[in-house]
Amino acid sequence: MLLSIACEFLSLEYHITQINTIERIKELNNRNIIDKKFATELIESFDTLLSIRLKSMLESKELSEETI
């Protein structure tokens, strides 16, 4: 996911050791690299994207099981 890659890049640049995307976003906010509102929006967006991805994966699995 592009959002994860962007957070990873910023974490490398600012020497952030967290490996979880949400924890990286929180740490970027704690260090005032991004503001709280933007951090909150990023976390909400990331959660939404993960939910959509999970639903898609589950639907794909269900479809493949139906065709067997």
PDB file of N, CA and C in Angstrom:
ATOM      1  N   MET A   1       0.835  -1.178   0.000  1.00  0.00           N
ATOM      2  CA  MET A   1       0.000   0.000   0.000  1.00  0.00           C
ATOM      3  C   MET A   1       0.879   1.240   0.000  1.00  0.00           C
ATOM      4  N   LEU A   2       0.541   2.190  -0.806  1.00  0.00           N
ATOM      5  CA  LEU A   2       1.343   3.400  -0.932  1.00  0.00           C
ATOM      6  C   LEU A   2       1.453   4.159   0.393  1.00  0.00           C
ATOM      7  N   LEU A   3       0.387   4.178   1.175  1.00  0.00           N
ATOM      8  CA  LEU A   3       0.404   4.868   2.465  1.00  0.00           C
ATOM      9  C   LEU A   3       1.444   4.242   3.391  1.00  0.00           C
ATOM     10  N   SER A   4       1.524   2.936   3.416  1.00  0.00           N
ATOM     11  CA  SER A   4       2.512   2.249   4.244  1.00  0.00           C
ATOM     12  C   SER A   4       3.928   2.584   3.805  1.00  0.00           C
ATOM     13  N   ILE A   5       4.128   2.626   2.498  1.00  0.00           N
ATOM     14  CA  ILE A   5       5.459   2.936   1.966  1.00  0.00           C
ATOM     15  C   ILE A   5       5.858   4.369   2.317  1.00  0.00           C
ATOM     16  N   ALA A   6       4.912   5.296   2.220  1.00  0.00           N
ATOM     17  CA  ALA A   6       5.199   6.687   2.565  1.00  0.00           C
ATOM     18  C   ALA A   6       5.569   6.813   4.043  1.00  0.00           C
ATOM     19  N   CYS A   7       4.844   6.124   4.900  1.00  0.00           N
ATOM     20  CA  CYS A   7       5.154   6.154   6.337  1.00  0.00           C
ATOM     21  C   CYS A   7       6.503   5.510   6.616  1.00  0.00           C
ATOM     22  N   GLU A   8       6.803   4.441   5.899  1.00  0.00           N
ATOM     23  CA  GLU A   8       8.098   3.788   6.066  1.00  0.00           C
ATOM     24  C   GLU A   8       9.232   4.736   5.653  1.00  0.00           C
ATOM     25  N   PHE A   9       9.060   5.429   4.539  1.00  0.00           N
ATOM     26  CA  PHE A   9      10.061   6.386   4.067  1.00  0.00           C
ATOM     27  C   PHE A   9      10.297   7.486   5.099  1.00  0.00           C
ATOM     28  N   LEU A  10       9.207   8.071   5.610  1.00  0.00           N
ATOM     29  CA  LEU A  10       9.343   9.126   6.620  1.00  0.00           C
ATOM     30  C   LEU A  10       9.986   8.593   7.896  1.00  0.00           C
ATOM     31  N   SER A  11       9.661   7.363   8.256  1.00  0.00           N
ATOM     32  CA  SER A  11      10.251   6.758   9.447  1.00  0.00           C
ATOM     33  C   SER A  11      11.757   6.592   9.290  1.00  0.00           C
ATOM     34  N   LEU A  12      12.178   6.196   8.113  1.00  0.00           N
ATOM     35  CA  LEU A  12      13.620   6.080   7.861  1.00  0.00           C
ATOM     36  C   LEU A  12      14.287   7.455   7.926  1.00  0.00           C
ATOM     37  N   GLU A  13      13.642   8.430   7.323  1.00  0.00           N
ATOM     38  CA  GLU A  13      14.209   9.784   7.294  1.00  0.00           C
ATOM     39  C   GLU A  13      14.339  10.375   8.691  1.00  0.00           C
ATOM     40  N   TYR A  14      13.360  10.106   9.558  1.00  0.00           N
ATOM     41  CA  TYR A  14      13.342  10.696  10.900  1.00  0.00           C
ATOM     42  C   TYR A  14      13.758   9.708  11.991  1.00  0.00           C
ATOM     43  N   HIS A  15      14.331   8.581  11.597  1.00  0.00           N
ATOM     44  CA  HIS A  15      14.862   7.576  12.540  1.00  0.00           C
ATOM     45  C   HIS A  15      13.800   7.096  13.524  1.00  0.00           C
ATOM     46  N   ILE A  16      12.648   6.762  12.993  1.00  0.00           N
ATOM     47  CA  ILE A  16      11.545   6.224  13.797  1.00  0.00           C
ATOM     48  C   ILE A  16      11.634   4.706  13.722  1.00  0.00           C
ATOM     49  N   THR A  17      11.611   4.055  14.881  1.00  0.00           N
ATOM     50  CA  THR A  17      11.859   2.616  14.925  1.00  0.00           C
ATOM     51  C   THR A  17      10.600   1.755  14.899  1.00  0.00           C
ATOM     52  N   GLN A  18       9.429   2.354  15.031  1.00  0.00           N
ATOM     53  CA  GLN A  18       8.190   1.571  14.993  1.00  0.00           C
ATOM     54  C   GLN A  18       8.065   0.880  13.643  1.00  0.00           C
ATOM     55  N   ILE A  19       7.511  -0.338  13.663  1.00  0.00           N
ATOM     56  CA  ILE A  19       7.367  -1.086  12.411  1.00  0.00           C
ATOM     57  C   ILE A  19       5.912  -1.178  11.950  1.00  0.00           C
ATOM     58  N   ASN A  20       4.994  -0.745  12.772  1.00  0.00           N
ATOM     59  CA  ASN A  20       3.573  -0.758  12.462  1.00  0.00           C
ATOM     60  C   ASN A  20       3.195   0.596  11.863  1.00  0.00           C
ATOM     61  N   THR A  21       2.449   0.600  10.772  1.00  0.00           N
ATOM     62  CA  THR A  21       2.112   1.851  10.083  1.00  0.00           C
ATOM     63  C   THR A  21       1.382   2.832  10.996  1.00  0.00           C
ATOM     64  N   ILE A  22       0.421   2.356  11.752  1.00  0.00           N
ATOM     65  CA  ILE A  22      -0.322   3.258  12.638  1.00  0.00           C
ATOM     66  C   ILE A  22       0.592   3.823  13.724  1.00  0.00           C
ATOM     67  N   GLU A  23       1.464   2.989  14.267  1.00  0.00           N
ATOM     68  CA  GLU A  23       2.409   3.472  15.278  1.00  0.00           C
ATOM     69  C   GLU A  23       3.383   4.482  14.671  1.00  0.00           C
ATOM     70  N   ARG A  24       3.767   4.273  13.436  1.00  0.00           N
ATOM     71  CA  ARG A  24       4.634   5.242  12.753  1.00  0.00           C
ATOM     72  C   ARG A  24       3.929   6.582  12.594  1.00  0.00           C
ATOM     73  N   ILE A  25       2.667   6.545  12.205  1.00  0.00           N
ATOM     74  CA  ILE A  25       1.898   7.783  12.048  1.00  0.00           C
ATOM     75  C   ILE A  25       1.804   8.507  13.389  1.00  0.00           C
ATOM     76  N   LYS A  26       1.534   7.761  14.452  1.00  0.00           N
ATOM     77  CA  LYS A  26       1.447   8.379  15.790  1.00  0.00           C
ATOM     78  C   LYS A  26       2.767   9.016  16.187  1.00  0.00           C
ATOM     79  N   GLU A  27       3.869   8.337  15.903  1.00  0.00           N
ATOM     80  CA  GLU A  27       5.179   8.879  16.264  1.00  0.00           C
ATOM     81  C   GLU A  27       5.523  10.110  15.425  1.00  0.00           C
ATOM     82  N   LEU A  28       5.144  10.099  14.151  1.00  0.00           N
ATOM     83  CA  LEU A  28       5.340  11.288  13.319  1.00  0.00           C
ATOM     84  C   LEU A  28       4.586  12.479  13.905  1.00  0.00           C
ATOM     85  N   ASN A  29       3.403  12.213  14.423  1.00  0.00           N
ATOM     86  CA  ASN A  29       2.623  13.263  15.078  1.00  0.00           C
ATOM     87  C   ASN A  29       3.283  13.689  16.391  1.00  0.00           C
ATOM     88  N   ASN A  30       3.727  12.731  17.191  1.00  0.00           N
ATOM     89  CA  ASN A  30       4.374  13.057  18.472  1.00  0.00           C
ATOM     90  C   ASN A  30       5.604  13.934  18.279  1.00  0.00           C
ATOM     91  N   ARG A  31       6.286  13.750  17.163  1.00  0.00           N
ATOM     92  CA  ARG A  31       7.486  14.549  16.878  1.00  0.00           C
ATOM     93  C   ARG A  31       7.162  15.829  16.106  1.00  0.00           C
ATOM     94  N   ASN A  32       5.876  16.125  15.956  1.00  0.00           N
ATOM     95  CA  ASN A  32       5.409  17.327  15.246  1.00  0.00           C
ATOM     96  C   ASN A  32       5.866  17.387  13.790  1.00  0.00           C
ATOM     97  N   ILE A  33       6.032  16.220  13.179  1.00  0.00           N
ATOM     98  CA  ILE A  33       6.359  16.157  11.750  1.00  0.00           C
ATOM     99  C   ILE A  33       5.076  16.290  10.944  1.00  0.00           C
ATOM    100  N   ILE A  34       4.003  15.722  11.468  1.00  0.00           N
ATOM    101  CA  ILE A  34       2.667  15.926  10.902  1.00  0.00           C
ATOM    102  C   ILE A  34       1.745  16.358  12.036  1.00  0.00           C
ATOM    103  N   ASP A  35       0.719  17.141  11.712  1.00  0.00           N
ATOM    104  CA  ASP A  35      -0.171  17.609  12.780  1.00  0.00           C
ATOM    105  C   ASP A  35      -1.202  16.541  13.152  1.00  0.00           C
ATOM    106  N   LYS A  36      -1.856  16.761  14.290  1.00  0.00           N
ATOM    107  CA  LYS A  36      -2.773  15.769  14.842  1.00  0.00           C
ATOM    108  C   LYS A  36      -3.934  15.464  13.906  1.00  0.00           C
ATOM    109  N   LYS A  37      -4.498  16.497  13.283  1.00  0.00           N
ATOM    110  CA  LYS A  37      -5.644  16.289  12.386  1.00  0.00           C
ATOM    111  C   LYS A  37      -5.240  15.400  11.210  1.00  0.00           C
ATOM    112  N   PHE A  38      -4.079  15.694  10.623  1.00  0.00           N
ATOM    113  CA  PHE A  38      -3.615  14.899   9.491  1.00  0.00           C
ATOM    114  C   PHE A  38      -3.309  13.470   9.928  1.00  0.00           C
ATOM    115  N   ALA A  39      -2.706  13.302  11.098  1.00  0.00           N
ATOM    116  CA  ALA A  39      -2.416  11.964  11.617  1.00  0.00           C
ATOM    117  C   ALA A  39      -3.708  11.171  11.804  1.00  0.00           C
ATOM    118  N   THR A  40      -4.719  11.818  12.360  1.00  0.00           N
ATOM    119  CA  THR A  40      -6.011  11.156  12.567  1.00  0.00           C
ATOM    120  C   THR A  40      -6.627  10.744  11.232  1.00  0.00           C
ATOM    121  N   GLU A  41      -6.567  11.627  10.255  1.00  0.00           N
ATOM    122  CA  GLU A  41      -7.112  11.312   8.929  1.00  0.00           C
ATOM    123  C   GLU A  41      -6.344  10.176   8.259  1.00  0.00           C
ATOM    124  N   LEU A  42      -5.027  10.161   8.426  1.00  0.00           N
ATOM    125  CA  LEU A  42      -4.223   9.073   7.858  1.00  0.00           C
ATOM    126  C   LEU A  42      -4.579   7.735   8.487  1.00  0.00           C
ATOM    127  N   ILE A  43      -4.739   7.722   9.799  1.00  0.00           N
ATOM    128  CA  ILE A  43      -5.083   6.477  10.496  1.00  0.00           C
ATOM    129  C   ILE A  43      -6.462   5.992  10.059  1.00  0.00           C
ATOM    130  N   GLU A  44      -7.426   6.895   9.976  1.00  0.00           N
ATOM    131  CA  GLU A  44      -8.767   6.521   9.526  1.00  0.00           C
ATOM    132  C   GLU A  44      -8.736   5.991   8.096  1.00  0.00           C
ATOM    133  N   SER A  45      -7.975   6.642   7.241  1.00  0.00           N
ATOM    134  CA  SER A  45      -7.857   6.198   5.845  1.00  0.00           C
ATOM    135  C   SER A  45      -7.208   4.825   5.771  1.00  0.00           C
ATOM    136  N   PHE A  46      -6.152   4.626   6.542  1.00  0.00           N
ATOM    137  CA  PHE A  46      -5.454   3.347   6.557  1.00  0.00           C
ATOM    138  C   PHE A  46      -6.393   2.233   7.029  1.00  0.00           C
ATOM    139  N   ASP A  47      -7.147   2.492   8.101  1.00  0.00           N
ATOM    140  CA  ASP A  47      -8.112   1.501   8.594  1.00  0.00           C
ATOM    141  C   ASP A  47      -9.162   1.172   7.544  1.00  0.00           C
ATOM    142  N   THR A  48      -9.654   2.189   6.847  1.00  0.00           N
ATOM    143  CA  THR A  48     -10.658   1.974   5.806  1.00  0.00           C
ATOM    144  C   THR A  48     -10.090   1.124   4.670  1.00  0.00           C
ATOM    145  N   LEU A  49      -8.885   1.462   4.233  1.00  0.00           N
ATOM    146  CA  LEU A  49      -8.248   0.692   3.157  1.00  0.00           C
ATOM    147  C   LEU A  49      -8.013  -0.760   3.568  1.00  0.00           C
ATOM    148  N   LEU A  50      -7.595  -0.971   4.805  1.00  0.00           N
ATOM    149  CA  LEU A  50      -7.395  -2.346   5.280  1.00  0.00           C
ATOM    150  C   LEU A  50      -8.715  -3.117   5.319  1.00  0.00           C
ATOM    151  N   SER A  51      -9.782  -2.451   5.726  1.00  0.00           N
ATOM    152  CA  SER A  51     -11.096  -3.101   5.766  1.00  0.00           C
ATOM    153  C   SER A  51     -11.553  -3.503   4.368  1.00  0.00           C
ATOM    154  N   ILE A  52     -11.383  -2.598   3.423  1.00  0.00           N
ATOM    155  CA  ILE A  52     -11.765  -2.890   2.033  1.00  0.00           C
ATOM    156  C   ILE A  52     -10.937  -4.048   1.494  1.00  0.00           C
ATOM    157  N   ARG A  53      -9.645  -4.019   1.783  1.00  0.00           N
ATOM    158  CA  ARG A  53      -8.758  -5.092   1.310  1.00  0.00           C
ATOM    159  C   ARG A  53      -9.156  -6.435   1.911  1.00  0.00           C
ATOM    160  N   LEU A  54      -9.447  -6.454   3.207  1.00  0.00           N
ATOM    161  CA  LEU A  54      -9.849  -7.689   3.877  1.00  0.00           C
ATOM    162  C   LEU A  54     -11.154  -8.228   3.303  1.00  0.00           C
ATOM    163  N   LYS A  55     -12.145  -7.355   3.103  1.00  0.00           N
ATOM    164  CA  LYS A  55     -13.421  -7.777   2.521  1.00  0.00           C
ATOM    165  C   LYS A  55     -13.213  -8.371   1.135  1.00  0.00           C
ATOM    166  N   SER A  56     -12.371  -7.716   0.356  1.00  0.00           N
ATOM    167  CA  SER A  56     -12.093  -8.203  -0.991  1.00  0.00           C
ATOM    168  C   SER A  56     -11.438  -9.584  -0.952  1.00  0.00           C
ATOM    169  N   MET A  57     -10.501  -9.757  -0.049  1.00  0.00           N
ATOM    170  CA  MET A  57      -9.816 -11.053   0.071  1.00  0.00           C
ATOM    171  C   MET A  57     -10.794 -12.151   0.505  1.00  0.00           C
ATOM    172  N   LEU A  58     -11.679 -11.813   1.443  1.00  0.00           N
ATOM    173  CA  LEU A  58     -12.666 -12.793   1.906  1.00  0.00           C
ATOM    174  C   LEU A  58     -13.648 -13.159   0.799  1.00  0.00           C
ATOM    175  N   GLU A  59     -14.111 -12.161   0.055  1.00  0.00           N
ATOM    176  CA  GLU A  59     -15.023 -12.423  -1.054  1.00  0.00           C
ATOM    177  C   GLU A  59     -14.353 -13.276  -2.120  1.00  0.00           C
ATOM    178  N   SER A  60     -13.109 -12.984  -2.388  1.00  0.00           N
ATOM    179  CA  SER A  60     -12.356 -13.768  -3.383  1.00  0.00           C
ATOM    180  C   SER A  60     -12.204 -15.220  -2.927  1.00  0.00           C
ATOM    181  N   LYS A  61     -11.938 -15.416  -1.662  1.00  0.00           N
ATOM    182  CA  LYS A  61     -11.816 -16.769  -1.112  1.00  0.00           C
ATOM    183  C   LYS A  61     -13.139 -17.503  -1.182  1.00  0.00           C
ATOM    184  N   GLU A  62     -14.229 -16.807  -0.849  1.00  0.00           N
ATOM    185  CA  GLU A  62     -15.545 -17.432  -0.906  1.00  0.00           C
ATOM    186  C   GLU A  62     -15.902 -17.829  -2.337  1.00  0.00           C
ATOM    187  N   LEU A  63     -15.604 -16.972  -3.286  1.00  0.00           N
ATOM    188  CA  LEU A  63     -15.886 -17.280  -4.691  1.00  0.00           C
ATOM    189  C   LEU A  63     -15.081 -18.489  -5.164  1.00  0.00           C
ATOM    190  N   SER A  64     -13.826 -18.548  -4.767  1.00  0.00           N
ATOM    191  CA  SER A  64     -13.004 -19.676  -5.195  1.00  0.00           C
ATOM    192  C   SER A  64     -13.469 -20.984  -4.561  1.00  0.00           C
ATOM    193  N   GLU A  65     -13.983 -20.905  -3.337  1.00  0.00           N
ATOM    194  CA  GLU A  65     -14.494 -22.110  -2.686  1.00  0.00           C
ATOM    195  C   GLU A  65     -15.798 -22.577  -3.322  1.00  0.00           C
ATOM    196  N   GLU A  66     -16.618 -21.650  -3.829  1.00  0.00           N
ATOM    197  CA  GLU A  66     -17.882 -21.999  -4.464  1.00  0.00           C
ATOM    198  C   GLU A  66     -17.665 -22.724  -5.786  1.00  0.00           C
ATOM    199  N   THR A  67     -16.571 -22.416  -6.458  1.00  0.00           N
ATOM    200  CA  THR A  67     -16.328 -23.033  -7.756  1.00  0.00           C
ATOM    201  C   THR A  67     -15.684 -24.413  -7.661  1.00  0.00           C
ATOM    202  N   ILE A  68     -15.316 -24.810  -6.474  1.00  0.00           N
ATOM    203  CA  ILE A  68     -14.685 -26.131  -6.311  1.00  0.00           C
ATOM    204  C   ILE A  68     -15.731 -27.221  -6.290  1.00  0.00           C
TER     205      ILE A  68
END
